[in-house]
Amino acid sequence: MAIEHRSTVDQIEIPRTGDVQVRFALEIVEGDKVHSRAWHRTTFVPGADIDQQMAFVNAHLALLGRAPVGQDDIERIKAQALAAWTPEVLARER
């Protein structure tokens, strides 16, 4: 069985500030056995350019020798941000 590197969204939290806090699981797996798991985190402030920030996250993961976060997970983050970033949240002064 081949060894696979995966980077996936493990957790999304949205506190009262409206920030979208994301924890990624960085795993090395072989079949159904996880050989290694580490965490990587980032926070998106209301109104952030998620695509741009995720490009930086994926570039950083590449420097660490890790797999990029897939588009499906990025779309999950965007959906959560869209729900959290109401006009009221976006209008708050930071």
C-alpha atoms as a PDB file:
ATOM      1  CA  MET A   1       0.000   0.000   0.000  1.00  0.00           C
ATOM      2  CA  ALA A   2       1.193   3.486  -0.848  1.00  0.00           C
ATOM      3  CA  ILE A   3       1.879   6.131   1.748  1.00  0.00           C
ATOM      4  CA  GLU A   4      -0.305   9.198   1.308  1.00  0.00           C
ATOM      5  CA  HIS A   5       0.050  12.724   2.672  1.00  0.00           C
ATOM      6  CA  ARG A   6      -3.246  14.477   3.471  1.00  0.00           C
ATOM      7  CA  SER A   7      -4.148  17.971   4.677  1.00  0.00           C
ATOM      8  CA  THR A   8      -7.815  18.314   5.574  1.00  0.00           C
ATOM      9  CA  VAL A   9     -10.079  20.603   7.574  1.00  0.00           C
ATOM     10  CA  ASP A  10     -10.422  19.019  11.005  1.00  0.00           C
ATOM     11  CA  GLN A  11     -12.262  21.749  12.880  1.00  0.00           C
ATOM     12  CA  ILE A  12     -13.944  25.088  12.199  1.00  0.00           C
ATOM     13  CA  GLU A  13     -14.825  27.429  15.062  1.00  0.00           C
ATOM     14  CA  ILE A  14     -16.520  30.804  14.852  1.00  0.00           C
ATOM     15  CA  PRO A  15     -16.420  32.907  18.032  1.00  0.00           C
ATOM     16  CA  ARG A  16     -18.543  36.008  18.610  1.00  0.00           C
ATOM     17  CA  THR A  17     -16.009  38.149  16.736  1.00  0.00           C
ATOM     18  CA  GLY A  18     -17.030  36.436  13.500  1.00  0.00           C
ATOM     19  CA  ASP A  19     -13.494  35.207  12.873  1.00  0.00           C
ATOM     20  CA  VAL A  20     -13.388  31.798  11.184  1.00  0.00           C
ATOM     21  CA  GLN A  21     -10.777  29.731  13.015  1.00  0.00           C
ATOM     22  CA  VAL A  22      -9.693  26.617  11.143  1.00  0.00           C
ATOM     23  CA  ARG A  23      -7.604  23.669  12.288  1.00  0.00           C
ATOM     24  CA  PHE A  24      -6.154  21.416   9.595  1.00  0.00           C
ATOM     25  CA  ALA A  25      -5.093  17.817  10.177  1.00  0.00           C
ATOM     26  CA  LEU A  26      -1.805  17.061   8.439  1.00  0.00           C
ATOM     27  CA  GLU A  27      -1.593  13.297   8.165  1.00  0.00           C
ATOM     28  CA  ILE A  28       0.657  10.639   6.742  1.00  0.00           C
ATOM     29  CA  VAL A  29      -1.414   7.514   6.135  1.00  0.00           C
ATOM     30  CA  GLU A  30      -0.992   4.063   4.689  1.00  0.00           C
ATOM     31  CA  GLY A  31      -4.298   2.394   3.954  1.00  0.00           C
ATOM     32  CA  ASP A  32      -6.393   2.971   7.064  1.00  0.00           C
ATOM     33  CA  LYS A  33      -3.405   3.408   9.389  1.00  0.00           C
ATOM     34  CA  VAL A  34      -2.403   6.963  10.359  1.00  0.00           C
ATOM     35  CA  HIS A  35       1.390   7.040  10.855  1.00  0.00           C
ATOM     36  CA  SER A  36       1.631  10.718  11.733  1.00  0.00           C
ATOM     37  CA  ARG A  37      -0.752  13.568  12.537  1.00  0.00           C
ATOM     38  CA  ALA A  38       0.072  17.204  13.155  1.00  0.00           C
ATOM     39  CA  TRP A  39      -2.013  20.358  13.268  1.00  0.00           C
ATOM     40  CA  HIS A  40      -1.891  23.610  11.356  1.00  0.00           C
ATOM     41  CA  ARG A  41      -4.148  26.558  12.142  1.00  0.00           C
ATOM     42  CA  THR A  42      -5.225  29.774  10.502  1.00  0.00           C
ATOM     43  CA  THR A  43      -7.849  32.430  11.207  1.00  0.00           C
ATOM     44  CA  PHE A  44      -9.891  34.340   8.655  1.00  0.00           C
ATOM     45  CA  VAL A  45     -11.055  37.747   9.873  1.00  0.00           C
ATOM     46  CA  PRO A  46     -14.448  38.933   8.600  1.00  0.00           C
ATOM     47  CA  GLY A  47     -14.174  39.997   4.971  1.00  0.00           C
ATOM     48  CA  ALA A  48     -10.846  38.236   4.380  1.00  0.00           C
ATOM     49  CA  ASP A  49      -9.988  36.949   0.916  1.00  0.00           C
ATOM     50  CA  ILE A  50     -10.184  33.227   1.650  1.00  0.00           C
ATOM     51  CA  ASP A  51      -8.702  32.135  -1.680  1.00  0.00           C
ATOM     52  CA  GLN A  52      -5.690  34.391  -1.210  1.00  0.00           C
ATOM     53  CA  GLN A  53      -5.100  33.310   2.386  1.00  0.00           C
ATOM     54  CA  MET A  54      -5.481  29.637   1.471  1.00  0.00           C
ATOM     55  CA  ALA A  55      -2.881  30.114  -1.291  1.00  0.00           C
ATOM     56  CA  PHE A  56      -0.486  31.285   1.445  1.00  0.00           C
ATOM     57  CA  VAL A  57      -1.475  28.356   3.698  1.00  0.00           C
ATOM     58  CA  ASN A  58      -0.885  25.860   0.875  1.00  0.00           C
ATOM     59  CA  ALA A  59       2.463  27.493   0.031  1.00  0.00           C
ATOM     60  CA  HIS A  60       3.486  27.159   3.685  1.00  0.00           C
ATOM     61  CA  LEU A  61       2.378  23.527   3.766  1.00  0.00           C
ATOM     62  CA  ALA A  62       4.491  22.881   0.653  1.00  0.00           C
ATOM     63  CA  LEU A  63       7.525  24.322   2.443  1.00  0.00           C
ATOM     64  CA  LEU A  64       6.823  21.864   5.264  1.00  0.00           C
ATOM     65  CA  GLY A  65       6.645  18.978   2.782  1.00  0.00           C
ATOM     66  CA  ARG A  66       2.905  18.543   3.380  1.00  0.00           C
ATOM     67  CA  ALA A  67       0.011  18.080   0.966  1.00  0.00           C
ATOM     68  CA  PRO A  68      -2.111  21.087   0.025  1.00  0.00           C
ATOM     69  CA  VAL A  69      -5.616  21.568   1.371  1.00  0.00           C
ATOM     70  CA  GLY A  70      -8.100  20.503  -1.301  1.00  0.00           C
ATOM     71  CA  GLN A  71     -10.695  22.687  -2.977  1.00  0.00           C
ATOM     72  CA  ASP A  72     -13.598  20.850  -1.295  1.00  0.00           C
ATOM     73  CA  ASP A  73     -12.253  21.821   2.129  1.00  0.00           C
ATOM     74  CA  ILE A  74     -11.670  25.404   0.965  1.00  0.00           C
ATOM     75  CA  GLU A  75     -15.293  25.535  -0.172  1.00  0.00           C
ATOM     76  CA  ARG A  76     -16.364  24.319   3.300  1.00  0.00           C
ATOM     77  CA  ILE A  77     -14.471  27.219   4.851  1.00  0.00           C
ATOM     78  CA  LYS A  78     -16.084  29.671   2.431  1.00  0.00           C
ATOM     79  CA  ALA A  79     -19.569  28.353   3.245  1.00  0.00           C
ATOM     80  CA  GLN A  80     -18.983  28.791   6.973  1.00  0.00           C
ATOM     81  CA  ALA A  81     -17.586  32.285   6.435  1.00  0.00           C
ATOM     82  CA  LEU A  82     -20.545  33.261   4.272  1.00  0.00           C
ATOM     83  CA  ALA A  83     -22.922  32.209   7.054  1.00  0.00           C
ATOM     84  CA  ALA A  84     -20.907  33.951   9.796  1.00  0.00           C
ATOM     85  CA  TRP A  85     -20.034  37.191   8.027  1.00  0.00           C
ATOM     86  CA  THR A  86     -23.388  38.911   8.233  1.00  0.00           C
ATOM     87  CA  PRO A  87     -23.628  42.617   7.358  1.00  0.00           C
ATOM     88  CA  GLU A  88     -23.549  43.354  11.093  1.00  0.00           C
ATOM     89  CA  VAL A  89     -20.334  41.369  11.601  1.00  0.00           C
ATOM     90  CA  LEU A  90     -18.702  42.982   8.560  1.00  0.00           C
ATOM     91  CA  ALA A  91     -19.694  46.458   9.797  1.00  0.00           C
ATOM     92  CA  ARG A  92     -17.985  46.028  13.198  1.00  0.00           C
ATOM     93  CA  GLU A  93     -14.867  48.037  13.733  1.00  0.00           C
ATOM     94  CA  ARG A  94     -11.877  45.815  14.404  1.00  0.00           C
END
